[in-house]
Structures are given as C-alpha cells and as structure tokens.
C-alpha cells in the first residue's frame, strides 16, 4: 500500500503538532534537589537545604569548547569581563587571578 504525497505531508504535520502540544505541556524544572531524598536523615538535611536555597542553588557553570586553545582563552576572558559588569552576577570566578566581587556596592 502506497501513501499519497498529500497524506504523507498531512501525517508529518499532525506528528509535528502532537509533538508541539506534548512539549508545551511538559513541565521542566532545574531544581537539582529533585534527585535528593524527600525525607532526608538529619545528616542529609544540611545538604538538601544548601542545594535548595544555599549558594549552590545559584551556581552557574559554563563551558566553551571546540576551538583552538588561544581562541578559547580569549573568549573566556571576554565572557568573564562581560559577566563581571552585569549587575545580576555577584561573583565571577573565571579561573584566572581576577577573583574580585563583581558589582558589589562597597
């Protein structure tokens, strides 16, 4: 049995629409504490609290890859400098000697 080109296109469009609906209704969470125990033991409560509300919950790690090392170093320095000027970042530690607090009002 052969499918007519119009039917194939209709099936393809229907599959895309179903995919869009499924993706739109999917709940996404970036909360890493979902991987921790729901009822932590007393020794684990400190870790769970730090992951949910502590400094670790606001940590962002970035990687720049797939270029020559000189290009990567230049991109990394530029990105670090731009992030230090952004008021949304308190600290930018780029692995270099510049370990000053960014945008802290003294």
PDB file of N, CA and C in Angstrom:
ATOM      1  N   UNK A   1       0.841  -1.173   0.000  1.00  0.00           N
ATOM      2  CA  UNK A   1       0.000   0.000   0.000  1.00  0.00           C
ATOM      3  C   UNK A   1       0.889   1.240   0.000  1.00  0.00           C
ATOM      4  N   UNK A   2       0.644   2.126  -0.889  1.00  0.00           N
ATOM      5  CA  UNK A   2       1.416   3.356  -1.000  1.00  0.00           C
ATOM      6  C   UNK A   2       0.624   4.505  -0.408  1.00  0.00           C
ATOM      7  N   UNK A   3       1.341   5.417   0.190  1.00  0.00           N
ATOM      8  CA  UNK A   3       0.715   6.607   0.759  1.00  0.00           C
ATOM      9  C   UNK A   3       0.928   7.755  -0.229  1.00  0.00           C
ATOM     10  N   UNK A   4      -0.138   8.452  -0.509  1.00  0.00           N
ATOM     11  CA  UNK A   4      -0.063   9.589  -1.417  1.00  0.00           C
ATOM     12  C   UNK A   4       0.771  10.697  -0.773  1.00  0.00           C
ATOM     13  N   UNK A   5       1.433  11.508  -1.594  1.00  0.00           N
ATOM     14  CA  UNK A   5       2.254  12.593  -1.031  1.00  0.00           C
ATOM     15  C   UNK A   5       1.470  13.521  -0.111  1.00  0.00           C
ATOM     16  N   UNK A   6       0.236  13.816  -0.452  1.00  0.00           N
ATOM     17  CA  UNK A   6      -0.586  14.689   0.404  1.00  0.00           C
ATOM     18  C   UNK A   6      -0.850  14.046   1.758  1.00  0.00           C
ATOM     19  N   UNK A   7      -1.063  12.729   1.764  1.00  0.00           N
ATOM     20  CA  UNK A   7      -1.291  12.026   3.027  1.00  0.00           C
ATOM     21  C   UNK A   7      -0.015  12.013   3.874  1.00  0.00           C
ATOM     22  N   UNK A   8       1.116  11.818   3.238  1.00  0.00           N
ATOM     23  CA  UNK A   8       2.383  11.812   3.963  1.00  0.00           C
ATOM     24  C   UNK A   8       2.632  13.170   4.614  1.00  0.00           C
ATOM     25  N   UNK A   9       2.364  14.241   3.884  1.00  0.00           N
ATOM     26  CA  UNK A   9       2.546  15.584   4.432  1.00  0.00           C
ATOM     27  C   UNK A   9       1.570  15.825   5.580  1.00  0.00           C
ATOM     28  N   UNK A  10       0.338  15.373   5.437  1.00  0.00           N
ATOM     29  CA  UNK A  10      -0.659  15.534   6.500  1.00  0.00           C
ATOM     30  C   UNK A  10      -0.237  14.775   7.759  1.00  0.00           C
ATOM     31  N   UNK A  11       0.269  13.567   7.595  1.00  0.00           N
ATOM     32  CA  UNK A  11       0.746  12.774   8.743  1.00  0.00           C
ATOM     33  C   UNK A  11       1.927  13.474   9.405  1.00  0.00           C
ATOM     34  N   UNK A  12       2.821  13.995   8.590  1.00  0.00           N
ATOM     35  CA  UNK A  12       4.002  14.684   9.105  1.00  0.00           C
ATOM     36  C   UNK A  12       3.592  15.924   9.899  1.00  0.00           C
ATOM     37  N   UNK A  13       2.669  16.726   9.369  1.00  0.00           N
ATOM     38  CA  UNK A  13       2.190  17.927  10.064  1.00  0.00           C
ATOM     39  C   UNK A  13       1.474  17.546  11.355  1.00  0.00           C
ATOM     40  N   UNK A  14       0.685  16.491  11.314  1.00  0.00           N
ATOM     41  CA  UNK A  14      -0.001  16.027  12.520  1.00  0.00           C
ATOM     42  C   UNK A  14       1.015  15.594  13.581  1.00  0.00           C
ATOM     43  N   UNK A  15       2.055  14.901  13.167  1.00  0.00           N
ATOM     44  CA  UNK A  15       3.090  14.476  14.113  1.00  0.00           C
ATOM     45  C   UNK A  15       3.792  15.684  14.737  1.00  0.00           C
ATOM     46  N   UNK A  16       4.042  16.704  13.951  1.00  0.00           N
ATOM     47  CA  UNK A  16       4.667  17.918  14.477  1.00  0.00           C
ATOM     48  C   UNK A  16       3.736  18.603  15.472  1.00  0.00           C
ATOM     49  N   UNK A  17       2.466  18.707  15.150  1.00  0.00           N
ATOM     50  CA  UNK A  17       1.505  19.338  16.061  1.00  0.00           C
ATOM     51  C   UNK A  17       1.399  18.582  17.377  1.00  0.00           C
ATOM     52  N   UNK A  18       1.360  17.262  17.296  1.00  0.00           N
ATOM     53  CA  UNK A  18       1.306  16.452  18.522  1.00  0.00           C
ATOM     54  C   UNK A  18       2.581  16.679  19.341  1.00  0.00           C
ATOM     55  N   UNK A  19       3.716  16.744  18.677  1.00  0.00           N
ATOM     56  CA  UNK A  19       4.982  16.988  19.382  1.00  0.00           C
ATOM     57  C   UNK A  19       4.984  18.347  20.062  1.00  0.00           C
ATOM     58  N   UNK A  20       4.492  19.364  19.377  1.00  0.00           N
ATOM     59  CA  UNK A  20       4.440  20.710  19.955  1.00  0.00           C
ATOM     60  C   UNK A  20       3.537  20.728  21.184  1.00  0.00           C
ATOM     61  N   UNK A  21       2.394  20.074  21.102  1.00  0.00           N
ATOM     62  CA  UNK A  21       1.477  20.024  22.243  1.00  0.00           C
ATOM     63  C   UNK A  21       2.133  19.297  23.419  1.00  0.00           C
ATOM     64  N   UNK A  22       2.790  18.183  23.146  1.00  0.00           N
ATOM     65  CA  UNK A  22       3.452  17.434  24.220  1.00  0.00           C
ATOM     66  C   UNK A  22       4.563  18.250  24.865  1.00  0.00           C
ATOM     67  N   UNK A  23       5.347  18.927  24.063  1.00  0.00           N
ATOM     68  CA  UNK A  23       6.435  19.740  24.603  1.00  0.00           C
ATOM     69  C   UNK A  23       5.883  20.909  25.404  1.00  0.00           C
ATOM     70  N   UNK A  24       4.829  21.547  24.912  1.00  0.00           N
ATOM     71  CA  UNK A  24       4.233  22.688  25.613  1.00  0.00           C
ATOM     72  C   UNK A  24       3.658  22.281  26.961  1.00  0.00           C
ATOM     73  N   UNK A  25       3.164  21.069  27.074  1.00  0.00           N
ATOM     74  CA  UNK A  25       2.540  20.616  28.324  1.00  0.00           C
ATOM     75  C   UNK A  25       3.526  19.946  29.271  1.00  0.00           C
ATOM     76  N   UNK A  26       4.765  19.782  28.836  1.00  0.00           N
ATOM     77  CA  UNK A  26       5.764  19.127  29.667  1.00  0.00           C
ATOM     78  C   UNK A  26       6.312  20.128  30.676  1.00  0.00           C
ATOM     79  N   UNK A  27       6.295  19.752  31.934  1.00  0.00           N
ATOM     80  CA  UNK A  27       6.844  20.609  32.976  1.00  0.00           C
ATOM     81  C   UNK A  27       8.330  20.361  33.127  1.00  0.00           C
ATOM     82  N   UNK A  28       9.107  21.421  33.047  1.00  0.00           N
ATOM     83  CA  UNK A  28      10.554  21.317  33.198  1.00  0.00           C
ATOM     84  C   UNK A  28      10.973  22.016  34.476  1.00  0.00           C
ATOM     85  N   UNK A  29      11.914  21.420  35.156  1.00  0.00           N
ATOM     86  CA  UNK A  29      12.411  22.004  36.390  1.00  0.00           C
ATOM     87  C   UNK A  29      13.927  21.925  36.403  1.00  0.00           C
ATOM     88  N   UNK A  30      14.554  22.972  36.881  1.00  0.00           N
ATOM     89  CA  UNK A  30      16.010  22.968  37.015  1.00  0.00           C
ATOM     90  C   UNK A  30      16.426  22.749  38.466  1.00  0.00           C
ATOM     91  N   UNK A  31      15.494  22.346  39.295  1.00  0.00           N
ATOM     92  CA  UNK A  31      15.754  22.128  40.711  1.00  0.00           C
ATOM     93  C   UNK A  31      16.484  20.801  40.900  1.00  0.00           C
ATOM     94  N   UNK A  32      17.770  20.876  41.202  1.00  0.00           N
ATOM     95  CA  UNK A  32      18.573  19.668  41.373  1.00  0.00           C
ATOM     96  C   UNK A  32      18.207  18.896  42.643  1.00  0.00           C
ATOM     97  N   UNK A  33      17.476  19.538  43.541  1.00  0.00           N
ATOM     98  CA  UNK A  33      17.107  18.833  44.769  1.00  0.00           C
ATOM     99  C   UNK A  33      16.108  17.714  44.488  1.00  0.00           C
ATOM    100  N   UNK A  34      15.568  17.666  43.279  1.00  0.00           N
ATOM    101  CA  UNK A  34      14.659  16.573  42.927  1.00  0.00           C
ATOM    102  C   UNK A  34      15.372  15.221  42.989  1.00  0.00           C
ATOM    103  N   UNK A  35      16.693  15.239  42.892  1.00  0.00           N
ATOM    104  CA  UNK A  35      17.465  13.996  42.942  1.00  0.00           C
ATOM    105  C   UNK A  35      17.845  13.609  44.366  1.00  0.00           C
ATOM    106  N   UNK A  36      17.503  14.445  45.318  1.00  0.00           N
ATOM    107  CA  UNK A  36      17.834  14.165  46.711  1.00  0.00           C
ATOM    108  C   UNK A  36      16.651  13.497  47.396  1.00  0.00           C
ATOM    109  N   UNK A  37      16.903  12.852  48.527  1.00  0.00           N
ATOM    110  CA  UNK A  37      15.812  12.171  49.225  1.00  0.00           C
ATOM    111  C   UNK A  37      14.723  13.137  49.681  1.00  0.00           C
ATOM    112  N   UNK A  38      13.451  12.704  49.599  1.00  0.00           N
ATOM    113  CA  UNK A  38      12.334  13.552  50.029  1.00  0.00           C
ATOM    114  C   UNK A  38      12.294  13.691  51.548  1.00  0.00           C
ATOM    115  N   UNK A  39      12.658  12.646  52.238  1.00  0.00           N
ATOM    116  CA  UNK A  39      12.701  12.679  53.703  1.00  0.00           C
ATOM    117  C   UNK A  39      14.137  12.422  54.143  1.00  0.00           C
ATOM    118  N   UNK A  40      14.979  13.444  54.117  1.00  0.00           N
ATOM    119  CA  UNK A  40      16.388  13.226  54.431  1.00  0.00           C
ATOM    120  C   UNK A  40      16.611  12.940  55.907  1.00  0.00           C
ATOM    121  N   UNK A  41      17.633  12.172  56.147  1.00  0.00           N
ATOM    122  CA  UNK A  41      18.070  11.919  57.518  1.00  0.00           C
ATOM    123  C   UNK A  41      18.641  13.222  58.067  1.00  0.00           C
ATOM    124  N   UNK A  42      18.752  13.343  59.374  1.00  0.00           N
ATOM    125  CA  UNK A  42      19.274  14.590  59.952  1.00  0.00           C
ATOM    126  C   UNK A  42      20.622  15.007  59.349  1.00  0.00           C
ATOM    127  N   UNK A  43      21.480  14.048  59.070  1.00  0.00           N
ATOM    128  CA  UNK A  43      22.787  14.375  58.495  1.00  0.00           C
ATOM    129  C   UNK A  43      22.660  14.894  57.062  1.00  0.00           C
ATOM    130  N   UNK A  44      21.608  14.499  56.362  1.00  0.00           N
ATOM    131  CA  UNK A  44      21.415  14.922  54.975  1.00  0.00           C
ATOM    132  C   UNK A  44      20.653  16.245  54.851  1.00  0.00           C
ATOM    133  N   UNK A  45      19.994  16.685  55.908  1.00  0.00           N
ATOM    134  CA  UNK A  45      19.171  17.889  55.851  1.00  0.00           C
ATOM    135  C   UNK A  45      19.979  19.136  55.500  1.00  0.00           C
ATOM    136  N   UNK A  46      21.208  19.214  55.972  1.00  0.00           N
ATOM    137  CA  UNK A  46      22.054  20.365  55.657  1.00  0.00           C
ATOM    138  C   UNK A  46      22.332  20.413  54.161  1.00  0.00           C
ATOM    139  N   UNK A  47      22.682  19.280  53.580  1.00  0.00           N
ATOM    140  CA  UNK A  47      22.960  19.218  52.146  1.00  0.00           C
ATOM    141  C   UNK A  47      21.722  19.584  51.336  1.00  0.00           C
ATOM    142  N   UNK A  48      20.586  19.013  51.701  1.00  0.00           N
ATOM    143  CA  UNK A  48      19.340  19.301  50.977  1.00  0.00           C
ATOM    144  C   UNK A  48      19.014  20.795  51.070  1.00  0.00           C
ATOM    145  N   UNK A  49      19.174  21.385  52.236  1.00  0.00           N
ATOM    146  CA  UNK A  49      18.908  22.816  52.405  1.00  0.00           C
ATOM    147  C   UNK A  49      19.825  23.674  51.554  1.00  0.00           C
ATOM    148  N   UNK A  50      21.109  23.314  51.479  1.00  0.00           N
ATOM    149  CA  UNK A  50      22.056  24.070  50.662  1.00  0.00           C
ATOM    150  C   UNK A  50      21.744  23.952  49.177  1.00  0.00           C
ATOM    151  N   UNK A  51      21.350  22.774  48.733  1.00  0.00           N
ATOM    152  CA  UNK A  51      21.034  22.588  47.321  1.00  0.00           C
ATOM    153  C   UNK A  51      19.767  23.351  46.951  1.00  0.00           C
ATOM    154  N   UNK A  52      18.808  23.411  47.848  1.00  0.00           N
ATOM    155  CA  UNK A  52      17.543  24.100  47.547  1.00  0.00           C
ATOM    156  C   UNK A  52      17.647  25.614  47.671  1.00  0.00           C
ATOM    157  N   UNK A  53      18.358  26.102  48.692  1.00  0.00           N
ATOM    158  CA  UNK A  53      18.310  27.534  48.978  1.00  0.00           C
ATOM    159  C   UNK A  53      19.665  28.177  49.200  1.00  0.00           C
ATOM    160  N   UNK A  54      20.716  27.423  49.258  1.00  0.00           N
ATOM    161  CA  UNK A  54      22.030  27.978  49.558  1.00  0.00           C
ATOM    162  C   UNK A  54      22.741  28.507  48.327  1.00  0.00           C
ATOM    163  N   UNK A  55      24.022  28.763  48.495  1.00  0.00           N
ATOM    164  CA  UNK A  55      24.857  29.306  47.426  1.00  0.00           C
ATOM    165  C   UNK A  55      24.871  28.371  46.223  1.00  0.00           C
ATOM    166  N   UNK A  56      24.882  27.081  46.468  1.00  0.00           N
ATOM    167  CA  UNK A  56      24.925  26.107  45.378  1.00  0.00           C
ATOM    168  C   UNK A  56      23.709  26.225  44.467  1.00  0.00           C
ATOM    169  N   UNK A  57      22.573  26.638  45.000  1.00  0.00           N
ATOM    170  CA  UNK A  57      21.369  26.761  44.184  1.00  0.00           C
ATOM    171  C   UNK A  57      21.462  27.902  43.182  1.00  0.00           C
ATOM    172  N   UNK A  58      22.435  28.788  43.370  1.00  0.00           N
ATOM    173  CA  UNK A  58      22.605  29.923  42.460  1.00  0.00           C
ATOM    174  C   UNK A  58      23.899  29.836  41.662  1.00  0.00           C
ATOM    175  N   UNK A  59      24.504  28.679  41.626  1.00  0.00           N
ATOM    176  CA  UNK A  59      25.770  28.465  40.922  1.00  0.00           C
ATOM    177  C   UNK A  59      25.501  28.148  39.459  1.00  0.00           C
ATOM    178  N   UNK A  60      26.241  28.801  38.579  1.00  0.00           N
ATOM    179  CA  UNK A  60      26.125  28.555  37.143  1.00  0.00           C
ATOM    180  C   UNK A  60      27.514  28.194  36.627  1.00  0.00           C
ATOM    181  N   UNK A  61      27.629  27.048  35.975  1.00  0.00           N
ATOM    182  CA  UNK A  61      28.890  26.636  35.370  1.00  0.00           C
ATOM    183  C   UNK A  61      28.742  26.685  33.862  1.00  0.00           C
ATOM    184  N   UNK A  62      29.711  27.269  33.191  1.00  0.00           N
ATOM    185  CA  UNK A  62      29.688  27.368  31.739  1.00  0.00           C
ATOM    186  C   UNK A  62      30.938  26.732  31.171  1.00  0.00           C
ATOM    187  N   UNK A  63      30.819  26.206  29.961  1.00  0.00           N
ATOM    188  CA  UNK A  63      31.977  25.647  29.260  1.00  0.00           C
ATOM    189  C   UNK A  63      31.983  26.163  27.830  1.00  0.00           C
ATOM    190  N   UNK A  64      33.160  26.522  27.374  1.00  0.00           N
ATOM    191  CA  UNK A  64      33.339  26.920  25.985  1.00  0.00           C
ATOM    192  C   UNK A  64      34.257  25.869  25.376  1.00  0.00           C
ATOM    193  N   UNK A  65      33.820  25.271  24.276  1.00  0.00           N
ATOM    194  CA  UNK A  65      34.562  24.145  23.712  1.00  0.00           C
ATOM    195  C   UNK A  65      34.683  24.260  22.195  1.00  0.00           C
ATOM    196  N   UNK A  66      35.456  23.337  21.660  1.00  0.00           N
ATOM    197  CA  UNK A  66      35.581  23.109  20.218  1.00  0.00           C
ATOM    198  C   UNK A  66      36.180  24.282  19.461  1.00  0.00           C
ATOM    199  N   UNK A  67      37.284  24.773  19.973  1.00  0.00           N
ATOM    200  CA  UNK A  67      38.053  25.801  19.268  1.00  0.00           C
ATOM    201  C   UNK A  67      39.508  25.645  19.705  1.00  0.00           C
ATOM    202  N   UNK A  68      40.385  26.372  19.063  1.00  0.00           N
ATOM    203  CA  UNK A  68      41.794  26.314  19.445  1.00  0.00           C
ATOM    204  C   UNK A  68      41.972  26.963  20.804  1.00  0.00           C
ATOM    205  N   UNK A  69      43.002  26.545  21.533  1.00  0.00           N
ATOM    206  CA  UNK A  69      43.177  26.999  22.908  1.00  0.00           C
ATOM    207  C   UNK A  69      43.334  28.511  23.011  1.00  0.00           C
ATOM    208  N   UNK A  70      43.998  29.143  22.049  1.00  0.00           N
ATOM    209  CA  UNK A  70      44.133  30.600  22.117  1.00  0.00           C
ATOM    210  C   UNK A  70      42.771  31.279  21.945  1.00  0.00           C
ATOM    211  N   UNK A  71      41.942  30.755  21.052  1.00  0.00           N
ATOM    212  CA  UNK A  71      40.601  31.305  20.848  1.00  0.00           C
ATOM    213  C   UNK A  71      39.748  31.084  22.090  1.00  0.00           C
ATOM    214  N   UNK A  72      39.846  29.887  22.674  1.00  0.00           N
ATOM    215  CA  UNK A  72      39.076  29.591  23.884  1.00  0.00           C
ATOM    216  C   UNK A  72      39.475  30.522  25.024  1.00  0.00           C
ATOM    217  N   UNK A  73      40.762  30.770  25.179  1.00  0.00           N
ATOM    218  CA  UNK A  73      41.233  31.647  26.253  1.00  0.00           C
ATOM    219  C   UNK A  73      40.711  33.064  26.050  1.00  0.00           C
ATOM    220  N   UNK A  74      40.750  33.547  24.835  1.00  0.00           N
ATOM    221  CA  UNK A  74      40.259  34.899  24.545  1.00  0.00           C
ATOM    222  C   UNK A  74      38.753  35.004  24.794  1.00  0.00           C
ATOM    223  N   UNK A  75      37.998  34.009  24.321  1.00  0.00           N
ATOM    224  CA  UNK A  75      36.555  34.001  24.555  1.00  0.00           C
ATOM    225  C   UNK A  75      36.236  33.950  26.043  1.00  0.00           C
ATOM    226  N   UNK A  76      36.994  33.141  26.773  1.00  0.00           N
ATOM    227  CA  UNK A  76      36.774  33.001  28.207  1.00  0.00           C
ATOM    228  C   UNK A  76      37.039  34.313  28.937  1.00  0.00           C
ATOM    229  N   UNK A  77      38.141  34.984  28.603  1.00  0.00           N
ATOM    230  CA  UNK A  77      38.437  36.275  29.241  1.00  0.00           C
ATOM    231  C   UNK A  77      37.362  37.305  28.926  1.00  0.00           C
ATOM    232  N   UNK A  78      36.935  37.361  27.662  1.00  0.00           N
ATOM    233  CA  UNK A  78      35.899  38.323  27.270  1.00  0.00           C
ATOM    234  C   UNK A  78      34.583  38.041  27.996  1.00  0.00           C
ATOM    235  N   UNK A  79      34.193  36.769  28.053  1.00  0.00           N
ATOM    236  CA  UNK A  79      32.952  36.410  28.731  1.00  0.00           C
ATOM    237  C   UNK A  79      33.030  36.753  30.217  1.00  0.00           C
ATOM    238  N   UNK A  80      34.162  36.438  30.844  1.00  0.00           N
ATOM    239  CA  UNK A  80      34.337  36.765  32.259  1.00  0.00           C
ATOM    240  C   UNK A  80      34.222  38.254  32.518  1.00  0.00           C
ATOM    241  N   UNK A  81      34.845  39.065  31.652  1.00  0.00           N
ATOM    242  CA  UNK A  81      34.778  40.525  31.807  1.00  0.00           C
ATOM    243  C   UNK A  81      33.350  41.030  31.644  1.00  0.00           C
ATOM    244  N   UNK A  82      32.635  40.505  30.649  1.00  0.00           N
ATOM    245  CA  UNK A  82      31.239  40.948  30.447  1.00  0.00           C
ATOM    246  C   UNK A  82      30.355  40.547  31.612  1.00  0.00           C
ATOM    247  N   UNK A  83      30.545  39.333  32.133  1.00  0.00           N
ATOM    248  CA  UNK A  83      29.719  38.882  33.254  1.00  0.00           C
ATOM    249  C   UNK A  83      30.022  39.680  34.517  1.00  0.00           C
ATOM    250  N   UNK A  84      31.272  40.079  34.716  1.00  0.00           N
ATOM    251  CA  UNK A  84      31.603  40.893  35.885  1.00  0.00           C
ATOM    252  C   UNK A  84      30.913  42.254  35.841  1.00  0.00           C
ATOM    253  N   UNK A  85      30.667  42.776  34.642  1.00  0.00           N
ATOM    254  CA  UNK A  85      29.977  44.070  34.507  1.00  0.00           C
ATOM    255  C   UNK A  85      28.461  43.943  34.648  1.00  0.00           C
ATOM    256  N   UNK A  86      27.940  42.732  34.555  1.00  0.00           N
ATOM    257  CA  UNK A  86      26.491  42.510  34.632  1.00  0.00           C
ATOM    258  C   UNK A  86      26.045  42.543  36.090  1.00  0.00           C
ATOM    259  N   UNK A  87      25.091  43.403  36.446  1.00  0.00           N
ATOM    260  CA  UNK A  87      24.661  43.520  37.842  1.00  0.00           C
ATOM    261  C   UNK A  87      23.959  42.275  38.395  1.00  0.00           C
ATOM    262  N   UNK A  88      23.604  41.334  37.546  1.00  0.00           N
ATOM    263  CA  UNK A  88      22.926  40.129  38.025  1.00  0.00           C
ATOM    264  C   UNK A  88      23.904  39.118  38.632  1.00  0.00           C
ATOM    265  N   UNK A  89      25.205  39.327  38.441  1.00  0.00           N
ATOM    266  CA  UNK A  89      26.207  38.395  38.952  1.00  0.00           C
ATOM    267  C   UNK A  89      26.969  39.042  40.095  1.00  0.00           C
ATOM    268  N   UNK A  90      27.035  38.335  41.222  1.00  0.00           N
ATOM    269  CA  UNK A  90      27.751  38.828  42.385  1.00  0.00           C
ATOM    270  C   UNK A  90      29.222  38.467  42.289  1.00  0.00           C
ATOM    271  N   UNK A  91      29.518  37.275  41.824  1.00  0.00           N
ATOM    272  CA  UNK A  91      30.893  36.814  41.728  1.00  0.00           C
ATOM    273  C   UNK A  91      31.081  36.066  40.417  1.00  0.00           C
ATOM    274  N   UNK A  92      32.131  36.379  39.714  1.00  0.00           N
ATOM    275  CA  UNK A  92      32.501  35.654  38.502  1.00  0.00           C
ATOM    276  C   UNK A  92      33.921  35.168  38.726  1.00  0.00           C
ATOM    277  N   UNK A  93      34.095  33.867  38.840  1.00  0.00           N
ATOM    278  CA  UNK A  93      35.412  33.270  39.036  1.00  0.00           C
ATOM    279  C   UNK A  93      35.741  32.498  37.768  1.00  0.00           C
ATOM    280  N   UNK A  94      36.596  33.067  36.968  1.00  0.00           N
ATOM    281  CA  UNK A  94      36.893  32.515  35.658  1.00  0.00           C
ATOM    282  C   UNK A  94      38.153  31.663  35.664  1.00  0.00           C
ATOM    283  N   UNK A  95      38.656  31.328  36.844  1.00  0.00           N
ATOM    284  CA  UNK A  95      39.855  30.511  36.909  1.00  0.00           C
ATOM    285  C   UNK A  95      41.130  31.306  36.715  1.00  0.00           C
ATOM    286  N   UNK A  96      41.008  32.611  36.606  1.00  0.00           N
ATOM    287  CA  UNK A  96      42.197  33.436  36.466  1.00  0.00           C
ATOM    288  C   UNK A  96      42.482  34.126  37.793  1.00  0.00           C
ATOM    289  N   UNK A  97      43.388  35.071  37.793  1.00  0.00           N
ATOM    290  CA  UNK A  97      43.756  35.762  39.030  1.00  0.00           C
ATOM    291  C   UNK A  97      42.750  36.845  39.419  1.00  0.00           C
ATOM    292  N   UNK A  98      41.796  37.145  38.570  1.00  0.00           N
ATOM    293  CA  UNK A  98      40.775  38.146  38.859  1.00  0.00           C
ATOM    294  C   UNK A  98      39.681  37.492  39.693  1.00  0.00           C
ATOM    295  N   UNK A  99      39.778  37.619  41.001  1.00  0.00           N
ATOM    296  CA  UNK A  99      38.808  36.983  41.885  1.00  0.00           C
ATOM    297  C   UNK A  99      38.057  38.035  42.697  1.00  0.00           C
ATOM    298  N   UNK A 100      37.863  39.172  42.112  1.00  0.00           N
ATOM    299  CA  UNK A 100      37.145  40.231  42.802  1.00  0.00           C
ATOM    300  C   UNK A 100      35.650  40.027  42.680  1.00  0.00           C
ATOM    301  N   UNK A 101      34.929  40.555  43.626  1.00  0.00           N
ATOM    302  CA  UNK A 101      33.478  40.511  43.558  1.00  0.00           C
ATOM    303  C   UNK A 101      33.023  41.441  42.460  1.00  0.00           C
ATOM    304  N   UNK A 102      32.089  40.978  41.681  1.00  0.00           N
ATOM    305  CA  UNK A 102      31.545  41.790  40.600  1.00  0.00           C
ATOM    306  C   UNK A 102      30.360  42.585  41.109  1.00  0.00           C
ATOM    307  N   UNK A 103      30.306  43.842  40.769  1.00  0.00           N
ATOM    308  CA  UNK A 103      29.131  44.685  41.028  1.00  0.00           C
ATOM    309  C   UNK A 103      28.728  44.763  42.490  1.00  0.00           C
ATOM    310  N   UNK A 104      29.667  44.693  43.394  1.00  0.00           N
ATOM    311  CA  UNK A 104      29.330  44.807  44.814  1.00  0.00           C
ATOM    312  C   UNK A 104      29.482  46.264  45.206  1.00  0.00           C
ATOM    313  N   UNK A 105      28.424  46.799  45.779  1.00  0.00           N
ATOM    314  CA  UNK A 105      28.440  48.200  46.221  1.00  0.00           C
ATOM    315  C   UNK A 105      29.113  48.254  47.569  1.00  0.00           C
ATOM    316  N   UNK A 106      30.237  48.900  47.621  1.00  0.00           N
ATOM    317  CA  UNK A 106      31.007  48.953  48.872  1.00  0.00           C
ATOM    318  C   UNK A 106      30.565  50.099  49.724  1.00  0.00           C
TER     319      UNK A 106
END
